[in-house]
Amino acid sequence: MSTVLHTEASPGWGGQEIRTLAECRGLVARGWRVLLAGQPGARILAQARQEGIEARPLRMRGPADPVALAGLAALLVREGVELVHTHSSIDAWLGGLAGRLLGRPVVRSRHVSIPVRRRWNPVYTLLADRVIASGRGVEAALRAAGVPAERLVSLPAGVDPARFSPAVSGETVRKELGLGWPTLGCVAFFRSSKGHADLLEAFRALLPHYPDARLLLVGDGSGRPTLETEVERRGLEARVHFLGFRRDVPECLAAMDVVVLASLRSEGIPQALLQAMAMAHPVVATATGGIAELVEDGVTGLLVPPGEPDRLAGALRRVLEEPDASRERAERGRALVLSRHSSEAVLDRVEALYRALLRP
């Protein structure tokens, strides 16, 4: 049984962390020993412990933190780690350096489409044997930064179609919140790049046409208090529900009539859209990052330019006013996700990559 260390320096909880944890969980189920190192108190570590994954708290203050580097190197030796898989900028430096010092192969996952500055290239060219890009947009950004093509592997996120199935019922959530029709929803970490403010503006524009509409916001993050204040200022407290962190995400999605993601930038292949599409939900999203690889406008969902809440509101009205067409797009979206983005297919490729690097 080979031992792999995943590292995640981000203290937050969003699609990147969900994907990292899902891959750890899947690898454990396939017989790998997986350790996960993260910031003390980070939600991903708490979740890992609950799922029986070996979690190791490690303070990582920056990419040149000598204490963290020594701690990682000691962890690799003590636990017999054979391969390091990094996920964020800080731990990519630290994990890459520790791996190089001890002769362990290193895999670096790049989850977002933010352009990579050339001066950061050593993370990808010297400190990683392979770089996983979470979609074609991310891969293009890495190529533009000079990452050699032979080191790049394009591997979008996967979704468990058994957990995120059209058969899941949202009735419990609907009763809990007293929801009617239509119910819009978004599952995303609260940060400015996710476009929650635009979504709120689009929702407000929808209310004259659909006075019973509700908006569910699943997730947490530093931007939540600002948005809550804006909801109160507009008098929408009875219509906008902040659900926070939820363990019943499939049931929350099942309670939504339309799933929306109004991101402004820096998206890979968003977990929330994969999950919603696997459940055959109509989706409306912005054409940024890797979203367009998943949502083809008019085919598997509706796309609008980022930062244009009026266009977003128009797309939402179109979904609600054209139920048959919306249902057909949703079914095509589900077929796409099942054919290209199943979690088992993703794990097959991750395992193959690991085995190639561990081969004597």
Protein backbone atom coordinates (compact mmCIF):
# COMPACT_ATOMS: atom_id res chain seq x y z
CA MET A 1 0.00 0.00 0.00
CA SER A 2 1.55 3.28 -1.15
CA THR A 3 1.37 6.40 1.02
CA VAL A 4 0.47 9.75 -0.57
CA LEU A 5 0.45 13.17 1.08
CA HIS A 6 -2.02 15.81 -0.12
CA THR A 7 -1.35 19.39 1.01
CA GLU A 8 -3.81 22.30 1.11
CA ALA A 9 -2.72 25.65 2.59
CA SER A 10 -6.04 27.39 2.00
CA PRO A 11 -8.10 27.74 5.20
CA GLY A 12 -11.32 28.19 3.21
CA TRP A 13 -13.98 25.79 2.03
CA GLY A 14 -15.06 25.78 -1.60
CA GLY A 15 -14.89 23.76 -4.79
CA GLN A 16 -11.12 23.32 -4.62
CA GLU A 17 -11.23 21.89 -1.12
CA ILE A 18 -14.25 19.73 -1.95
CA ARG A 19 -12.44 18.23 -4.94
CA THR A 20 -9.27 17.64 -2.93
CA LEU A 21 -11.17 15.85 -0.18
CA ALA A 22 -13.20 13.81 -2.67
CA GLU A 23 -10.02 12.57 -4.36
CA CYS A 24 -8.50 11.69 -0.97
CA ARG A 25 -11.67 9.78 -0.06
CA GLY A 26 -11.71 7.95 -3.38
CA LEU A 27 -8.06 6.97 -3.16
CA VAL A 28 -8.52 5.58 0.35
CA ALA A 29 -11.44 3.49 -0.93
CA ARG A 30 -9.13 2.10 -3.61
CA GLY A 31 -6.50 0.98 -1.11
CA TRP A 32 -4.10 3.93 -0.93
CA ARG A 33 -2.93 5.34 2.36
CA VAL A 34 -3.67 9.06 2.16
CA LEU A 35 -2.53 11.82 4.51
CA LEU A 36 -3.87 15.37 4.28
CA ALA A 37 -1.82 18.29 5.65
CA GLY A 38 -3.55 21.65 6.09
CA GLN A 39 -3.75 24.76 8.21
CA PRO A 40 -4.70 24.17 11.86
CA GLY A 41 -8.42 24.73 12.26
CA ALA A 42 -9.16 24.51 8.52
CA ARG A 43 -12.53 22.99 7.68
CA ILE A 44 -10.99 20.56 5.23
CA LEU A 45 -9.08 18.89 8.08
CA ALA A 46 -12.20 18.60 10.22
CA GLN A 47 -14.07 17.07 7.28
CA ALA A 48 -11.19 14.69 6.59
CA ARG A 49 -11.19 13.43 10.18
CA GLN A 50 -14.93 12.83 10.06
CA GLU A 51 -14.44 10.70 6.96
CA GLY A 52 -11.60 8.67 8.44
CA ILE A 53 -8.83 10.34 6.42
CA GLU A 54 -5.57 10.91 8.29
CA ALA A 55 -5.39 14.69 8.85
CA ARG A 56 -2.18 16.47 9.85
CA PRO A 57 -2.36 20.13 10.99
CA LEU A 58 0.63 22.16 9.82
CA ARG A 59 0.93 25.93 10.03
CA MET A 60 2.08 27.23 6.61
CA ARG A 61 2.74 30.98 6.88
CA GLY A 62 4.21 31.50 3.44
CA PRO A 63 6.04 29.85 0.55
CA ALA A 64 9.43 30.30 2.24
CA ASP A 65 8.38 29.29 5.78
CA PRO A 66 11.39 27.31 7.09
CA VAL A 67 9.47 25.85 10.02
CA ALA A 68 6.72 24.54 7.75
CA LEU A 69 9.27 23.17 5.29
CA ALA A 70 11.06 21.31 8.07
CA GLY A 71 7.72 20.02 9.36
CA LEU A 72 6.70 18.74 5.94
CA ALA A 73 10.06 17.06 5.38
CA ALA A 74 9.84 15.38 8.78
CA LEU A 75 6.30 14.23 7.99
CA LEU A 76 7.42 12.68 4.71
CA VAL A 77 10.16 10.71 6.45
CA ARG A 78 8.17 9.74 9.54
CA GLU A 79 5.10 8.51 7.62
CA GLY A 80 6.94 6.93 4.71
CA VAL A 81 5.30 9.23 2.16
CA GLU A 82 6.13 8.17 -1.40
CA LEU A 83 4.42 10.96 -3.38
CA VAL A 84 3.36 14.55 -2.62
CA HIS A 85 0.28 16.15 -4.22
CA THR A 86 -0.08 19.92 -3.66
CA HIS A 87 -3.14 22.12 -4.24
CA SER A 88 -2.51 25.80 -3.32
CA SER A 89 0.28 28.28 -3.99
CA ILE A 90 1.92 28.24 -0.54
CA ASP A 91 1.90 24.48 -0.13
CA ALA A 92 3.01 24.03 -3.75
CA TRP A 93 6.31 25.72 -2.84
CA LEU A 94 6.70 23.97 0.51
CA GLY A 95 5.55 20.54 -0.66
CA GLY A 96 7.57 20.84 -3.85
CA LEU A 97 10.73 21.76 -1.97
CA ALA A 98 10.25 18.99 0.59
CA GLY A 99 9.64 16.49 -2.17
CA ARG A 100 12.72 17.56 -4.09
CA LEU A 101 14.93 17.49 -0.97
CA LEU A 102 13.88 13.92 -0.21
CA GLY A 103 13.58 12.62 -3.76
CA ARG A 104 9.80 12.16 -3.75
CA PRO A 105 7.74 12.75 -6.91
CA VAL A 106 5.47 15.79 -6.73
CA VAL A 107 2.11 16.45 -8.42
CA ARG A 108 0.73 20.00 -8.45
CA SER A 109 -2.98 20.61 -9.06
CA ARG A 110 -3.99 24.02 -10.43
CA HIS A 111 -7.67 24.58 -9.74
CA VAL A 112 -8.28 28.16 -10.94
CA SER A 113 -7.85 30.01 -14.24
CA ILE A 114 -6.01 33.05 -12.85
CA PRO A 115 -2.99 33.73 -15.10
CA VAL A 116 0.28 32.42 -13.68
CA ARG A 117 3.09 34.94 -13.40
CA ARG A 118 6.30 33.78 -15.01
CA ARG A 119 8.38 34.46 -11.93
CA TRP A 120 6.33 31.80 -10.13
CA ASN A 121 7.17 29.23 -12.77
CA PRO A 122 9.61 27.21 -10.62
CA VAL A 123 6.58 25.77 -8.80
CA TYR A 124 5.53 24.19 -12.09
CA THR A 125 8.81 23.65 -13.90
CA LEU A 126 11.22 22.66 -11.11
CA LEU A 127 9.12 21.64 -8.12
CA ALA A 128 6.53 19.44 -9.83
CA ASP A 129 6.87 16.33 -11.96
CA ARG A 130 3.32 16.68 -13.27
CA VAL A 131 0.80 19.53 -13.20
CA ILE A 132 -2.92 18.76 -13.21
CA ALA A 133 -5.00 21.51 -14.81
CA SER A 134 -8.67 21.48 -13.82
CA GLY A 135 -9.80 22.32 -17.35
CA ARG A 136 -8.73 23.59 -20.76
CA GLY A 137 -8.82 27.22 -19.62
CA VAL A 138 -6.47 26.48 -16.73
CA GLU A 139 -4.25 24.45 -19.04
CA ALA A 140 -4.05 27.38 -21.48
CA ALA A 141 -3.05 29.75 -18.67
CA LEU A 142 -0.28 27.38 -17.61
CA ARG A 143 0.98 26.97 -21.18
CA ALA A 144 1.04 30.76 -21.57
CA ALA A 145 3.20 30.95 -18.46
CA GLY A 146 5.74 28.59 -20.00
CA VAL A 147 4.86 25.31 -18.31
CA PRO A 148 6.12 22.50 -20.59
CA ALA A 149 3.32 20.64 -22.35
CA GLU A 150 4.81 17.27 -21.40
CA ARG A 151 4.27 18.05 -17.71
CA LEU A 152 0.64 19.10 -18.11
CA VAL A 153 -2.36 16.85 -17.58
CA SER A 154 -5.85 18.28 -18.15
CA LEU A 155 -8.15 16.62 -15.66
CA PRO A 156 -11.46 18.33 -14.77
CA ALA A 157 -13.20 17.61 -11.50
CA GLY A 158 -15.49 14.64 -11.14
CA VAL A 159 -18.85 14.14 -9.47
CA ASP A 160 -20.45 11.11 -7.83
CA PRO A 161 -23.60 10.45 -9.92
CA ALA A 162 -25.05 8.20 -7.23
CA ARG A 163 -24.92 10.96 -4.62
CA PHE A 164 -25.94 13.74 -7.00
CA SER A 165 -28.84 12.06 -8.73
CA PRO A 166 -32.17 13.33 -10.09
CA ALA A 167 -33.78 10.90 -7.64
CA VAL A 168 -32.64 12.94 -4.61
CA SER A 169 -35.57 14.69 -2.94
CA GLY A 170 -35.48 18.32 -1.86
CA GLU A 171 -38.79 18.11 -0.04
CA THR A 172 -37.29 18.24 3.46
CA VAL A 173 -35.37 21.43 2.65
CA ARG A 174 -38.39 22.95 0.93
CA LYS A 175 -40.55 22.29 3.99
CA GLU A 176 -37.82 23.52 6.34
CA LEU A 177 -37.72 26.88 4.57
CA GLY A 178 -41.33 27.11 3.40
CA LEU A 179 -40.34 27.34 -0.25
CA GLY A 180 -42.68 27.72 -3.19
CA TRP A 181 -42.01 28.30 -6.87
CA PRO A 182 -39.65 29.44 -8.24
CA THR A 183 -36.65 28.78 -6.02
CA LEU A 184 -33.26 29.88 -7.32
CA GLY A 185 -30.04 28.77 -5.69
CA CYS A 186 -26.28 29.13 -5.61
CA VAL A 187 -23.69 26.94 -3.91
CA ALA A 188 -20.41 28.84 -3.59
CA PHE A 189 -17.87 30.23 -1.15
CA PHE A 190 -18.61 33.86 -0.32
CA ARG A 191 -15.83 35.81 -2.01
CA SER A 192 -16.03 38.73 -4.43
CA SER A 193 -15.03 36.62 -7.45
CA LYS A 194 -18.19 34.48 -7.10
CA GLY A 195 -20.44 37.39 -8.10
CA HIS A 196 -23.02 37.08 -5.31
CA ALA A 197 -23.75 40.82 -5.54
CA ASP A 198 -24.64 40.45 -9.23
CA LEU A 199 -26.82 37.45 -8.43
CA LEU A 200 -28.65 39.46 -5.79
CA GLU A 201 -29.23 42.29 -8.28
CA ALA A 202 -30.53 39.84 -10.90
CA PHE A 203 -32.82 38.24 -8.33
CA ARG A 204 -34.22 41.64 -7.36
CA ALA A 205 -34.96 42.36 -11.04
CA LEU A 206 -36.85 39.07 -11.25
CA LEU A 207 -39.22 39.78 -8.35
CA PRO A 208 -41.73 42.00 -10.22
CA HIS A 209 -42.34 39.07 -12.58
CA TYR A 210 -42.14 36.32 -9.92
CA PRO A 211 -43.17 37.81 -6.57
CA ASP A 212 -43.02 34.42 -4.81
CA ALA A 213 -39.42 33.75 -5.86
CA ARG A 214 -36.86 32.73 -3.26
CA LEU A 215 -33.07 32.64 -3.39
CA LEU A 216 -31.02 30.03 -1.51
CA LEU A 217 -27.36 30.78 -0.85
CA VAL A 218 -25.41 27.74 0.32
CA GLY A 219 -21.88 28.31 1.58
CA ASP A 220 -19.86 30.53 3.83
CA GLY A 221 -16.92 32.89 3.67
CA SER A 222 -15.60 36.35 4.46
CA GLY A 223 -17.96 38.07 2.02
CA ARG A 224 -21.13 36.85 3.69
CA PRO A 225 -21.63 39.74 6.21
CA THR A 226 -21.46 42.33 3.42
CA LEU A 227 -24.08 40.51 1.37
CA GLU A 228 -26.31 40.01 4.41
CA THR A 229 -26.19 43.76 5.01
CA GLU A 230 -27.15 44.39 1.39
CA VAL A 231 -30.08 41.97 1.65
CA GLU A 232 -31.32 43.78 4.76
CA ARG A 233 -30.88 47.18 3.10
CA ARG A 234 -33.08 46.06 0.23
CA GLY A 235 -35.69 44.50 2.53
CA LEU A 236 -35.23 41.02 1.09
CA GLU A 237 -34.65 39.09 4.32
CA ALA A 238 -37.81 37.01 3.84
CA ARG A 239 -36.83 36.04 0.29
CA VAL A 240 -33.09 35.36 0.50
CA HIS A 241 -32.01 32.42 2.67
CA PHE A 242 -28.40 32.16 3.85
CA LEU A 243 -27.97 28.46 4.58
CA GLY A 244 -24.27 28.48 5.50
CA PHE A 245 -22.22 25.31 5.36
CA ARG A 246 -24.47 22.30 4.74
CA ARG A 247 -23.75 18.59 4.72
CA ASP A 248 -26.94 17.90 2.75
CA VAL A 249 -25.84 19.68 -0.43
CA PRO A 250 -27.62 17.19 -2.75
CA GLU A 251 -30.90 17.82 -0.92
CA CYS A 252 -30.32 21.59 -1.04
CA LEU A 253 -29.73 21.41 -4.78
CA ALA A 254 -32.83 19.25 -5.20
CA ALA A 255 -34.85 22.03 -3.56
CA MET A 256 -33.78 24.50 -6.27
CA ASP A 257 -35.65 25.03 -9.53
CA VAL A 258 -32.67 26.79 -11.14
CA VAL A 259 -29.01 26.71 -10.10
CA VAL A 260 -27.02 29.88 -10.74
CA LEU A 261 -23.33 30.74 -10.66
CA ALA A 262 -22.52 34.41 -11.35
CA SER A 263 -18.72 34.19 -11.09
CA LEU A 264 -16.67 37.15 -12.26
CA ARG A 265 -13.30 35.42 -12.72
CA SER A 266 -10.90 32.64 -11.70
CA GLU A 267 -13.05 29.56 -12.25
CA GLY A 268 -11.88 26.10 -13.16
CA ILE A 269 -14.68 23.55 -13.58
CA PRO A 270 -17.01 24.50 -10.71
CA GLN A 271 -18.13 21.67 -8.45
CA ALA A 272 -21.56 23.22 -7.91
CA LEU A 273 -22.34 23.24 -11.63
CA LEU A 274 -21.14 19.66 -12.05
CA GLN A 275 -23.34 18.57 -9.17
CA ALA A 276 -26.39 20.48 -10.38
CA MET A 277 -26.02 19.18 -13.92
CA ALA A 278 -25.59 15.61 -12.67
CA MET A 279 -28.99 16.08 -11.00
CA ALA A 280 -30.51 17.30 -14.31
CA HIS A 281 -31.12 20.82 -13.01
CA PRO A 282 -31.38 23.86 -15.30
CA VAL A 283 -28.26 25.98 -14.85
CA VAL A 284 -27.45 29.60 -15.61
CA ALA A 285 -23.84 30.73 -15.35
CA THR A 286 -21.34 33.32 -16.49
CA ALA A 287 -18.87 32.70 -19.29
CA THR A 288 -15.65 32.91 -17.31
CA GLY A 289 -12.78 30.51 -16.69
CA GLY A 290 -13.65 26.90 -17.38
CA ILE A 291 -17.41 27.30 -17.06
CA ALA A 292 -17.91 27.37 -20.83
CA GLU A 293 -16.27 23.94 -21.06
CA LEU A 294 -19.21 22.60 -19.08
CA VAL A 295 -22.11 24.89 -19.92
CA GLU A 296 -22.66 25.32 -23.66
CA ASP A 297 -25.06 28.19 -24.15
CA GLY A 298 -28.45 26.96 -25.31
CA VAL A 299 -27.32 23.33 -25.26
CA THR A 300 -26.53 22.27 -21.68
CA GLY A 301 -27.52 25.50 -19.95
CA LEU A 302 -27.51 29.26 -20.42
CA LEU A 303 -24.43 31.49 -20.37
CA VAL A 304 -24.20 35.25 -19.91
CA PRO A 305 -21.21 37.60 -19.75
CA PRO A 306 -19.79 38.10 -16.25
CA GLY A 307 -20.62 41.33 -14.46
CA GLU A 308 -23.95 41.94 -16.24
CA PRO A 309 -26.79 41.32 -13.77
CA ASP A 310 -29.44 42.49 -16.26
CA ARG A 311 -28.38 39.78 -18.71
CA LEU A 312 -28.33 37.29 -15.85
CA ALA A 313 -31.90 38.23 -14.89
CA GLY A 314 -32.98 37.81 -18.52
CA ALA A 315 -31.49 34.32 -18.66
CA LEU A 316 -33.25 33.36 -15.44
CA ARG A 317 -36.57 34.55 -16.84
CA ARG A 318 -35.96 32.52 -19.98
CA VAL A 319 -35.43 29.35 -17.93
CA LEU A 320 -38.64 29.92 -16.00
CA GLU A 321 -40.71 30.90 -19.04
CA GLU A 322 -39.53 28.02 -21.24
CA PRO A 323 -39.85 24.92 -19.01
CA ASP A 324 -39.72 22.35 -21.82
CA ALA A 325 -36.58 23.81 -23.39
CA SER A 326 -35.01 24.18 -19.94
CA ARG A 327 -35.72 20.54 -19.15
CA GLU A 328 -34.16 19.42 -22.43
CA ARG A 329 -31.00 21.44 -21.76
CA ALA A 330 -30.84 19.98 -18.25
CA GLU A 331 -31.04 16.41 -19.60
CA ARG A 332 -28.26 17.13 -22.09
CA GLY A 333 -26.21 18.59 -19.25
CA ARG A 334 -26.64 15.44 -17.20
CA ALA A 335 -25.60 13.27 -20.14
CA LEU A 336 -22.47 15.39 -20.60
CA VAL A 337 -21.48 15.11 -16.94
CA LEU A 338 -22.06 11.36 -16.83
CA SER A 339 -19.98 10.80 -19.96
CA ARG A 340 -17.01 13.03 -19.06
CA HIS A 341 -16.99 13.87 -15.38
CA SER A 342 -17.77 10.82 -13.26
CA SER A 343 -15.66 10.65 -10.10
CA GLU A 344 -14.56 7.09 -10.88
CA ALA A 345 -13.17 8.10 -14.28
CA VAL A 346 -11.24 10.96 -12.67
CA LEU A 347 -9.82 8.64 -10.01
CA ASP A 348 -8.74 6.16 -12.69
CA ARG A 349 -6.60 8.87 -14.26
CA VAL A 350 -5.21 10.11 -10.94
CA GLU A 351 -4.19 6.57 -10.03
CA ALA A 352 -2.57 6.03 -13.42
CA LEU A 353 -0.59 9.25 -12.98
CA TYR A 354 0.59 8.26 -9.50
CA ARG A 355 1.62 4.78 -10.62
CA ALA A 356 3.60 6.17 -13.56
CA LEU A 357 5.54 8.47 -11.22
CA LEU A 358 6.11 5.76 -8.60
CA ARG A 359 7.28 3.19 -11.11
CA PRO A 360 10.94 2.23 -10.40
